[in-house]
């Protein structure tokens, strides 16, 4: 059902990581082998890393790779183990929704003011757009996991 989102996150994250690696290797090569430092690879690497973090957050949510403190779930008994993940996923989805709204507003502001990157002179709204895009992907993943967990927590024989 969400195959497109899976492929988008995996493909785009891989592309960003590859491009970032090439930019950084190029910068190191020119700085130490040619003795001439380029301005744009460092800036490009920084912006690609920012994009990779936000776009990759949805993938990390899907694969359960985010940091989790599980001491309450393991020591709190069956009730905590059953309902605390729902609370955590609800908080995560709410946070992602708020960050998406804030990110869209911030991206619009940066687009409207016409800010450009210092060295590369490309529009900064592209970098800022990674925040709402990544938070949307992560929020969708959190909601999917929330409703799956909710259906697992439903008592047997329930017709709700």
N, C-alpha and C. Protein backbone atom coordinates (compact mmCIF):
# COMPACT_ATOMS: atom_id res chain seq x y z
N UNK A 1 0.82 -1.19 0.00
CA UNK A 1 0.00 0.00 0.00
C UNK A 1 0.87 1.27 0.00
N UNK A 2 1.93 1.26 0.78
CA UNK A 2 2.82 2.41 0.85
C UNK A 2 4.15 2.11 0.16
N UNK A 3 4.08 1.32 -0.89
CA UNK A 3 5.28 0.93 -1.62
C UNK A 3 5.98 2.14 -2.22
N UNK A 4 5.22 3.11 -2.71
CA UNK A 4 5.82 4.31 -3.29
C UNK A 4 6.64 5.06 -2.25
N UNK A 5 6.11 5.19 -1.05
CA UNK A 5 6.82 5.88 0.03
C UNK A 5 8.09 5.13 0.40
N UNK A 6 8.01 3.80 0.45
CA UNK A 6 9.20 2.98 0.72
C UNK A 6 10.29 3.24 -0.31
N UNK A 7 9.91 3.15 -1.56
CA UNK A 7 10.89 3.33 -2.65
C UNK A 7 11.45 4.75 -2.67
N UNK A 8 10.59 5.74 -2.44
CA UNK A 8 11.04 7.13 -2.43
C UNK A 8 12.09 7.35 -1.35
N UNK A 9 11.80 6.91 -0.13
CA UNK A 9 12.74 7.12 0.97
C UNK A 9 14.06 6.40 0.72
N UNK A 10 13.99 5.16 0.29
CA UNK A 10 15.21 4.39 0.05
C UNK A 10 16.03 4.97 -1.10
N UNK A 11 15.38 5.24 -2.21
CA UNK A 11 16.09 5.74 -3.39
C UNK A 11 16.64 7.14 -3.18
N UNK A 12 15.82 8.03 -2.65
CA UNK A 12 16.26 9.41 -2.46
C UNK A 12 17.36 9.50 -1.41
N UNK A 13 17.24 8.72 -0.33
CA UNK A 13 18.29 8.72 0.70
C UNK A 13 19.61 8.19 0.14
N UNK A 14 19.53 7.14 -0.65
CA UNK A 14 20.74 6.59 -1.27
C UNK A 14 21.37 7.59 -2.22
N UNK A 15 20.55 8.27 -3.00
CA UNK A 15 21.04 9.29 -3.93
C UNK A 15 21.72 10.43 -3.17
N UNK A 16 21.08 10.90 -2.09
CA UNK A 16 21.65 11.99 -1.30
C UNK A 16 22.98 11.58 -0.67
N UNK A 17 23.04 10.36 -0.14
CA UNK A 17 24.28 9.89 0.48
C UNK A 17 25.40 9.78 -0.54
N UNK A 18 25.09 9.26 -1.72
CA UNK A 18 26.09 9.14 -2.77
C UNK A 18 26.59 10.51 -3.22
N UNK A 19 25.67 11.42 -3.45
CA UNK A 19 26.04 12.77 -3.89
C UNK A 19 26.86 13.49 -2.82
N UNK A 20 26.46 13.33 -1.55
CA UNK A 20 27.19 13.95 -0.45
C UNK A 20 28.61 13.40 -0.37
N UNK A 21 28.75 12.10 -0.51
CA UNK A 21 30.08 11.47 -0.46
C UNK A 21 30.97 11.97 -1.59
N UNK A 22 30.41 12.06 -2.78
CA UNK A 22 31.19 12.56 -3.92
C UNK A 22 31.62 14.00 -3.69
N UNK A 23 30.73 14.84 -3.17
CA UNK A 23 31.06 16.25 -2.93
C UNK A 23 32.18 16.37 -1.89
N UNK A 24 32.11 15.59 -0.83
CA UNK A 24 33.13 15.67 0.22
C UNK A 24 34.47 15.12 -0.28
N UNK A 25 34.43 14.01 -1.00
CA UNK A 25 35.67 13.46 -1.56
C UNK A 25 36.30 14.45 -2.54
N UNK A 26 35.48 15.10 -3.34
CA UNK A 26 35.98 16.11 -4.27
C UNK A 26 36.65 17.27 -3.52
N UNK A 27 36.01 17.70 -2.44
CA UNK A 27 36.58 18.79 -1.64
C UNK A 27 37.92 18.38 -1.04
N UNK A 28 37.99 17.18 -0.47
CA UNK A 28 39.25 16.70 0.12
C UNK A 28 40.33 16.57 -0.95
N UNK A 29 39.98 16.03 -2.10
CA UNK A 29 40.95 15.89 -3.18
C UNK A 29 41.52 17.24 -3.60
N UNK A 30 40.64 18.19 -3.84
CA UNK A 30 41.13 19.51 -4.28
C UNK A 30 41.91 20.22 -3.18
N UNK A 31 41.51 20.06 -1.94
CA UNK A 31 42.20 20.75 -0.85
C UNK A 31 43.60 20.19 -0.63
N UNK A 32 43.74 18.86 -0.63
CA UNK A 32 45.02 18.26 -0.25
C UNK A 32 45.87 17.81 -1.44
N UNK A 33 45.28 17.50 -2.56
CA UNK A 33 46.07 17.03 -3.70
C UNK A 33 46.38 18.14 -4.70
N UNK A 34 45.45 19.06 -4.87
CA UNK A 34 45.64 20.13 -5.83
C UNK A 34 46.04 21.43 -5.12
N UNK A 35 45.89 21.47 -3.81
CA UNK A 35 46.17 22.66 -2.99
C UNK A 35 45.32 23.85 -3.40
N UNK A 36 44.10 23.56 -3.79
CA UNK A 36 43.15 24.61 -4.14
C UNK A 36 41.79 24.20 -3.58
N UNK A 37 41.31 24.93 -2.60
CA UNK A 37 40.04 24.60 -1.96
C UNK A 37 38.87 25.19 -2.74
N UNK A 38 37.90 24.36 -3.04
CA UNK A 38 36.69 24.82 -3.72
C UNK A 38 35.68 25.28 -2.67
N UNK A 39 34.87 26.25 -3.02
CA UNK A 39 33.88 26.78 -2.08
C UNK A 39 32.62 25.92 -2.00
N UNK A 40 32.16 25.45 -3.13
CA UNK A 40 30.84 24.84 -3.18
C UNK A 40 30.71 23.41 -2.65
N UNK A 41 31.72 22.52 -2.71
CA UNK A 41 31.49 21.14 -2.24
C UNK A 41 31.18 21.05 -0.75
N UNK A 42 31.82 21.89 0.05
CA UNK A 42 31.56 21.86 1.49
C UNK A 42 30.12 22.29 1.78
N UNK A 43 29.69 23.34 1.12
CA UNK A 43 28.32 23.82 1.30
C UNK A 43 27.31 22.79 0.80
N UNK A 44 27.59 22.21 -0.35
CA UNK A 44 26.71 21.19 -0.90
C UNK A 44 26.63 19.98 0.03
N UNK A 45 27.78 19.55 0.55
CA UNK A 45 27.80 18.42 1.48
C UNK A 45 26.97 18.69 2.73
N UNK A 46 27.07 19.91 3.25
CA UNK A 46 26.30 20.29 4.44
C UNK A 46 24.80 20.24 4.16
N UNK A 47 24.38 20.80 3.04
CA UNK A 47 22.95 20.82 2.72
C UNK A 47 22.43 19.43 2.37
N UNK A 48 23.24 18.62 1.73
CA UNK A 48 22.82 17.24 1.45
C UNK A 48 22.70 16.43 2.73
N UNK A 49 23.58 16.69 3.69
CA UNK A 49 23.49 15.99 4.98
C UNK A 49 22.19 16.37 5.70
N UNK A 50 21.86 17.65 5.67
CA UNK A 50 20.60 18.10 6.29
C UNK A 50 19.42 17.40 5.63
N UNK A 51 19.41 17.37 4.30
CA UNK A 51 18.33 16.70 3.58
C UNK A 51 18.29 15.21 3.90
N UNK A 52 19.44 14.59 3.99
CA UNK A 52 19.52 13.16 4.29
C UNK A 52 18.95 12.85 5.67
N UNK A 53 19.23 13.69 6.64
CA UNK A 53 18.71 13.48 7.99
C UNK A 53 17.19 13.53 7.99
N UNK A 54 16.62 14.54 7.36
CA UNK A 54 15.16 14.67 7.39
C UNK A 54 14.46 13.63 6.53
N UNK A 55 14.95 13.36 5.35
CA UNK A 55 14.32 12.36 4.49
C UNK A 55 14.52 10.96 5.08
N UNK A 56 15.69 10.72 5.65
CA UNK A 56 15.98 9.42 6.24
C UNK A 56 15.23 9.15 7.53
N UNK A 57 14.65 10.17 8.15
CA UNK A 57 13.93 9.96 9.41
C UNK A 57 12.69 9.09 9.21
N UNK A 58 12.03 9.22 8.07
CA UNK A 58 10.89 8.36 7.78
C UNK A 58 11.31 6.91 7.61
N UNK A 59 12.42 6.71 6.94
CA UNK A 59 12.95 5.35 6.76
C UNK A 59 13.34 4.76 8.11
N UNK A 60 13.98 5.57 8.95
CA UNK A 60 14.37 5.09 10.28
C UNK A 60 13.15 4.74 11.12
N UNK A 61 12.09 5.51 10.99
CA UNK A 61 10.85 5.21 11.71
C UNK A 61 10.26 3.88 11.23
N UNK A 62 10.28 3.66 9.94
CA UNK A 62 9.75 2.41 9.38
C UNK A 62 10.52 1.20 9.89
N UNK A 63 11.83 1.34 9.99
CA UNK A 63 12.70 0.22 10.38
C UNK A 63 12.92 0.14 11.89
N UNK A 64 12.24 0.96 12.67
CA UNK A 64 12.40 1.01 14.13
C UNK A 64 13.84 1.28 14.54
N UNK A 65 14.48 2.22 13.89
CA UNK A 65 15.88 2.54 14.17
C UNK A 65 16.05 3.81 14.99
N UNK A 66 14.96 4.44 15.39
CA UNK A 66 15.08 5.63 16.23
C UNK A 66 15.38 5.23 17.66
N UNK A 67 16.01 6.12 18.37
CA UNK A 67 16.34 5.90 19.77
C UNK A 67 15.07 5.73 20.58
N UNK A 68 15.04 4.71 21.42
CA UNK A 68 13.88 4.46 22.27
C UNK A 68 14.34 4.10 23.67
N UNK A 69 13.65 4.62 24.65
CA UNK A 69 13.93 4.28 26.04
C UNK A 69 12.87 3.27 26.46
N UNK A 70 13.29 2.03 26.62
CA UNK A 70 12.34 0.93 26.82
C UNK A 70 12.25 0.46 28.27
N UNK A 71 12.90 1.15 29.18
CA UNK A 71 12.90 0.69 30.57
C UNK A 71 11.49 0.67 31.16
N UNK A 72 10.65 1.64 30.81
CA UNK A 72 9.28 1.66 31.32
C UNK A 72 8.47 0.50 30.75
N UNK A 73 8.69 0.18 29.49
CA UNK A 73 7.94 -0.93 28.88
C UNK A 73 8.33 -2.27 29.48
N UNK A 74 9.62 -2.44 29.78
CA UNK A 74 10.07 -3.73 30.30
C UNK A 74 9.84 -3.88 31.80
N UNK A 75 9.90 -2.79 32.54
CA UNK A 75 9.75 -2.90 33.99
C UNK A 75 8.36 -2.51 34.48
N UNK A 76 7.54 -1.95 33.62
CA UNK A 76 6.24 -1.45 34.04
C UNK A 76 5.10 -2.45 33.97
N UNK A 77 5.36 -3.63 33.52
CA UNK A 77 4.32 -4.63 33.45
C UNK A 77 3.62 -4.67 32.10
N UNK A 78 2.58 -5.49 32.03
CA UNK A 78 1.89 -5.73 30.77
C UNK A 78 1.17 -4.49 30.26
N UNK A 79 0.57 -3.71 31.17
CA UNK A 79 -0.16 -2.53 30.74
C UNK A 79 0.77 -1.53 30.06
N UNK A 80 1.92 -1.28 30.68
CA UNK A 80 2.88 -0.33 30.10
C UNK A 80 3.41 -0.84 28.77
N UNK A 81 3.71 -2.12 28.71
CA UNK A 81 4.24 -2.69 27.47
C UNK A 81 3.20 -2.63 26.35
N UNK A 82 1.93 -2.63 26.74
CA UNK A 82 0.87 -2.63 25.75
C UNK A 82 0.51 -1.23 25.27
N UNK A 83 0.46 -0.26 26.19
CA UNK A 83 -0.07 1.06 25.84
C UNK A 83 0.97 2.16 25.72
N UNK A 84 2.13 2.00 26.32
CA UNK A 84 3.15 3.04 26.22
C UNK A 84 3.65 3.24 24.78
N UNK A 85 3.82 2.19 23.99
CA UNK A 85 4.18 2.42 22.58
C UNK A 85 3.14 3.24 21.82
N UNK A 86 1.85 3.07 22.16
CA UNK A 86 0.81 3.88 21.53
C UNK A 86 0.97 5.35 21.88
N UNK A 87 1.27 5.63 23.14
CA UNK A 87 1.48 7.01 23.58
C UNK A 87 2.68 7.61 22.85
N UNK A 88 3.77 6.84 22.79
CA UNK A 88 4.98 7.34 22.13
C UNK A 88 4.74 7.60 20.65
N UNK A 89 4.02 6.71 19.98
CA UNK A 89 3.72 6.90 18.56
C UNK A 89 2.77 8.08 18.35
N UNK A 90 1.83 8.26 19.26
CA UNK A 90 0.92 9.41 19.18
C UNK A 90 1.66 10.72 19.34
N UNK A 91 2.59 10.77 20.30
CA UNK A 91 3.40 11.98 20.51
C UNK A 91 4.28 12.23 19.29
N UNK A 92 4.87 11.16 18.75
CA UNK A 92 5.72 11.30 17.56
C UNK A 92 4.92 11.84 16.38
N UNK A 93 3.75 11.29 16.13
CA UNK A 93 2.92 11.74 15.01
C UNK A 93 2.49 13.19 15.20
N UNK A 94 2.14 13.56 16.43
CA UNK A 94 1.75 14.95 16.72
C UNK A 94 2.92 15.89 16.49
N UNK A 95 4.09 15.52 16.99
CA UNK A 95 5.28 16.34 16.79
C UNK A 95 5.59 16.50 15.31
N UNK A 96 5.51 15.41 14.56
CA UNK A 96 5.78 15.48 13.12
C UNK A 96 4.77 16.38 12.41
N UNK A 97 3.52 16.31 12.82
CA UNK A 97 2.51 17.18 12.23
C UNK A 97 2.79 18.65 12.51
N UNK A 98 3.17 18.96 13.74
CA UNK A 98 3.50 20.34 14.10
C UNK A 98 4.73 20.82 13.34
N UNK A 99 5.74 19.97 13.24
CA UNK A 99 6.96 20.35 12.51
C UNK A 99 6.70 20.50 11.01
N UNK A 100 5.77 19.71 10.48
CA UNK A 100 5.42 19.85 9.07
C UNK A 100 4.78 21.21 8.81
N UNK A 101 3.83 21.59 9.66
CA UNK A 101 3.18 22.89 9.51
C UNK A 101 4.19 24.02 9.67
N UNK A 102 5.01 23.95 10.71
CA UNK A 102 6.04 24.98 10.92
C UNK A 102 7.01 25.01 9.75
N UNK A 103 7.41 23.83 9.27
CA UNK A 103 8.36 23.75 8.16
C UNK A 103 7.81 24.33 6.87
N UNK A 104 6.53 24.10 6.61
CA UNK A 104 5.91 24.68 5.41
C UNK A 104 5.91 26.20 5.52
N UNK A 105 5.54 26.72 6.70
CA UNK A 105 5.54 28.17 6.90
C UNK A 105 6.94 28.76 6.74
N UNK A 106 7.93 28.09 7.31
CA UNK A 106 9.31 28.57 7.22
C UNK A 106 9.82 28.50 5.78
N UNK A 107 9.50 27.42 5.09
CA UNK A 107 9.91 27.27 3.69
C UNK A 107 9.29 28.37 2.84
N UNK A 108 8.02 28.65 3.09
CA UNK A 108 7.35 29.71 2.34
C UNK A 108 8.01 31.06 2.62
N UNK A 109 8.34 31.32 3.89
CA UNK A 109 9.00 32.58 4.24
C UNK A 109 10.34 32.72 3.52
N UNK A 110 11.13 31.65 3.52
CA UNK A 110 12.45 31.69 2.87
C UNK A 110 12.28 31.85 1.36
N UNK A 111 11.28 31.19 0.79
CA UNK A 111 11.01 31.34 -0.65
C UNK A 111 10.61 32.78 -0.98
N UNK A 112 9.72 33.34 -0.13
CA UNK A 112 9.22 34.69 -0.36
C UNK A 112 10.33 35.74 -0.24
N UNK A 113 11.29 35.52 0.67
CA UNK A 113 12.37 36.49 0.85
C UNK A 113 13.49 36.31 -0.16
N UNK A 114 13.48 35.21 -0.90
CA UNK A 114 14.46 35.01 -1.97
C UNK A 114 15.87 34.72 -1.50
N UNK A 115 16.01 34.07 -0.34
CA UNK A 115 17.34 33.75 0.18
C UNK A 115 18.03 32.74 -0.72
N UNK A 116 19.34 32.93 -0.91
CA UNK A 116 20.14 32.00 -1.70
C UNK A 116 21.35 31.56 -0.89
N UNK A 117 21.88 30.40 -1.22
CA UNK A 117 23.07 29.87 -0.56
C UNK A 117 24.28 30.75 -0.90
N UNK A 118 25.16 31.00 0.05
CA UNK A 118 26.29 31.91 -0.19
C UNK A 118 27.22 31.49 -1.32
N UNK A 119 27.66 30.26 -1.33
CA UNK A 119 28.66 29.84 -2.32
C UNK A 119 28.02 29.36 -3.62
N UNK A 120 26.95 28.61 -3.51
CA UNK A 120 26.36 27.99 -4.70
C UNK A 120 25.28 28.83 -5.36
N UNK A 121 24.75 29.79 -4.65
CA UNK A 121 23.72 30.70 -5.17
C UNK A 121 22.46 29.98 -5.65
N UNK A 122 22.08 28.89 -4.95
CA UNK A 122 20.81 28.27 -5.30
C UNK A 122 19.80 28.62 -4.21
N UNK A 123 18.50 28.55 -4.52
CA UNK A 123 17.48 28.98 -3.56
C UNK A 123 17.50 28.15 -2.27
N UNK A 124 17.50 28.83 -1.14
CA UNK A 124 17.56 28.15 0.15
C UNK A 124 16.25 27.46 0.52
N UNK A 125 15.16 27.82 -0.12
CA UNK A 125 13.90 27.17 0.21
C UNK A 125 13.95 25.68 -0.11
N UNK A 126 14.82 25.29 -1.02
CA UNK A 126 14.96 23.87 -1.35
C UNK A 126 15.48 23.11 -0.14
N UNK A 127 16.45 23.68 0.55
CA UNK A 127 16.99 23.05 1.76
C UNK A 127 15.93 23.02 2.85
N UNK A 128 15.23 24.15 3.04
CA UNK A 128 14.20 24.22 4.06
C UNK A 128 13.03 23.29 3.77
N UNK A 129 12.75 23.00 2.51
CA UNK A 129 11.64 22.12 2.15
C UNK A 129 11.88 20.68 2.60
N UNK A 130 13.11 20.33 2.88
CA UNK A 130 13.40 18.97 3.35
C UNK A 130 12.79 18.70 4.72
N UNK A 131 12.65 19.73 5.55
CA UNK A 131 12.06 19.56 6.88
C UNK A 131 10.60 19.10 6.79
N UNK A 132 9.70 19.85 6.13
CA UNK A 132 8.33 19.36 6.08
C UNK A 132 8.18 18.05 5.30
N UNK A 133 9.00 17.84 4.28
CA UNK A 133 8.94 16.59 3.53
C UNK A 133 9.32 15.41 4.42
N UNK A 134 10.42 15.54 5.13
CA UNK A 134 10.87 14.46 6.01
C UNK A 134 9.93 14.22 7.17
N UNK A 135 9.41 15.30 7.76
CA UNK A 135 8.49 15.15 8.89
C UNK A 135 7.15 14.56 8.44
N UNK A 136 6.74 14.85 7.21
CA UNK A 136 5.53 14.23 6.68
C UNK A 136 5.73 12.73 6.52
N UNK A 137 6.85 12.33 5.95
CA UNK A 137 7.14 10.90 5.79
C UNK A 137 7.20 10.20 7.15
N UNK A 138 7.89 10.82 8.10
CA UNK A 138 8.01 10.21 9.42
C UNK A 138 6.66 10.17 10.13
N UNK A 139 5.86 11.22 9.99
CA UNK A 139 4.53 11.24 10.60
C UNK A 139 3.62 10.17 10.03
N UNK A 140 3.68 9.98 8.72
CA UNK A 140 2.88 8.91 8.09
C UNK A 140 3.30 7.56 8.64
N UNK A 141 4.60 7.35 8.76
CA UNK A 141 5.10 6.08 9.32
C UNK A 141 4.64 5.89 10.76
N UNK A 142 4.69 6.95 11.55
CA UNK A 142 4.26 6.85 12.95
C UNK A 142 2.77 6.54 13.03
N UNK A 143 1.97 7.16 12.17
CA UNK A 143 0.53 6.88 12.17
C UNK A 143 0.24 5.44 11.74
N UNK A 144 0.96 4.96 10.74
CA UNK A 144 0.78 3.57 10.31
C UNK A 144 1.08 2.63 11.47
N UNK A 145 2.20 2.85 12.14
CA UNK A 145 2.57 2.00 13.27
C UNK A 145 1.58 2.15 14.42
N UNK A 146 1.07 3.37 14.64
CA UNK A 146 0.09 3.61 15.70
C UNK A 146 -1.16 2.76 15.47
N UNK A 147 -1.70 2.81 14.25
CA UNK A 147 -2.94 2.07 13.98
C UNK A 147 -2.70 0.56 13.93
N UNK A 148 -1.54 0.14 13.51
CA UNK A 148 -1.22 -1.30 13.58
C UNK A 148 -1.13 -1.75 15.03
N UNK A 149 -0.46 -0.96 15.85
CA UNK A 149 -0.33 -1.28 17.27
C UNK A 149 -1.70 -1.26 17.94
N UNK A 150 -2.53 -0.31 17.56
CA UNK A 150 -3.87 -0.21 18.11
C UNK A 150 -4.69 -1.45 17.77
N UNK A 151 -4.57 -1.95 16.54
CA UNK A 151 -5.31 -3.15 16.16
C UNK A 151 -4.77 -4.39 16.87
N UNK A 152 -3.47 -4.39 17.19
CA UNK A 152 -2.91 -5.51 17.95
C UNK A 152 -3.36 -5.49 19.40
N UNK A 153 -3.63 -4.30 19.93
CA UNK A 153 -4.04 -4.16 21.33
C UNK A 153 -5.53 -4.41 21.53
N UNK A 154 -6.29 -4.53 20.45
CA UNK A 154 -7.73 -4.74 20.57
C UNK A 154 -7.99 -6.13 21.16
N UNK A 155 -8.86 -6.21 22.16
CA UNK A 155 -9.16 -7.52 22.75
C UNK A 155 -9.76 -8.47 21.71
N UNK A 156 -9.51 -9.76 21.90
CA UNK A 156 -10.02 -10.78 20.97
C UNK A 156 -11.54 -10.77 20.99
N UNK A 157 -12.15 -10.87 19.82
CA UNK A 157 -13.60 -10.92 19.71
C UNK A 157 -14.26 -9.56 19.71
N UNK A 158 -13.50 -8.51 19.76
CA UNK A 158 -14.06 -7.16 19.77
C UNK A 158 -14.59 -6.82 18.38
N UNK A 159 -15.76 -6.20 18.32
CA UNK A 159 -16.38 -5.86 17.05
C UNK A 159 -16.28 -4.37 16.75
N UNK A 160 -15.48 -3.63 17.47
CA UNK A 160 -15.38 -2.18 17.28
C UNK A 160 -14.71 -1.83 16.00
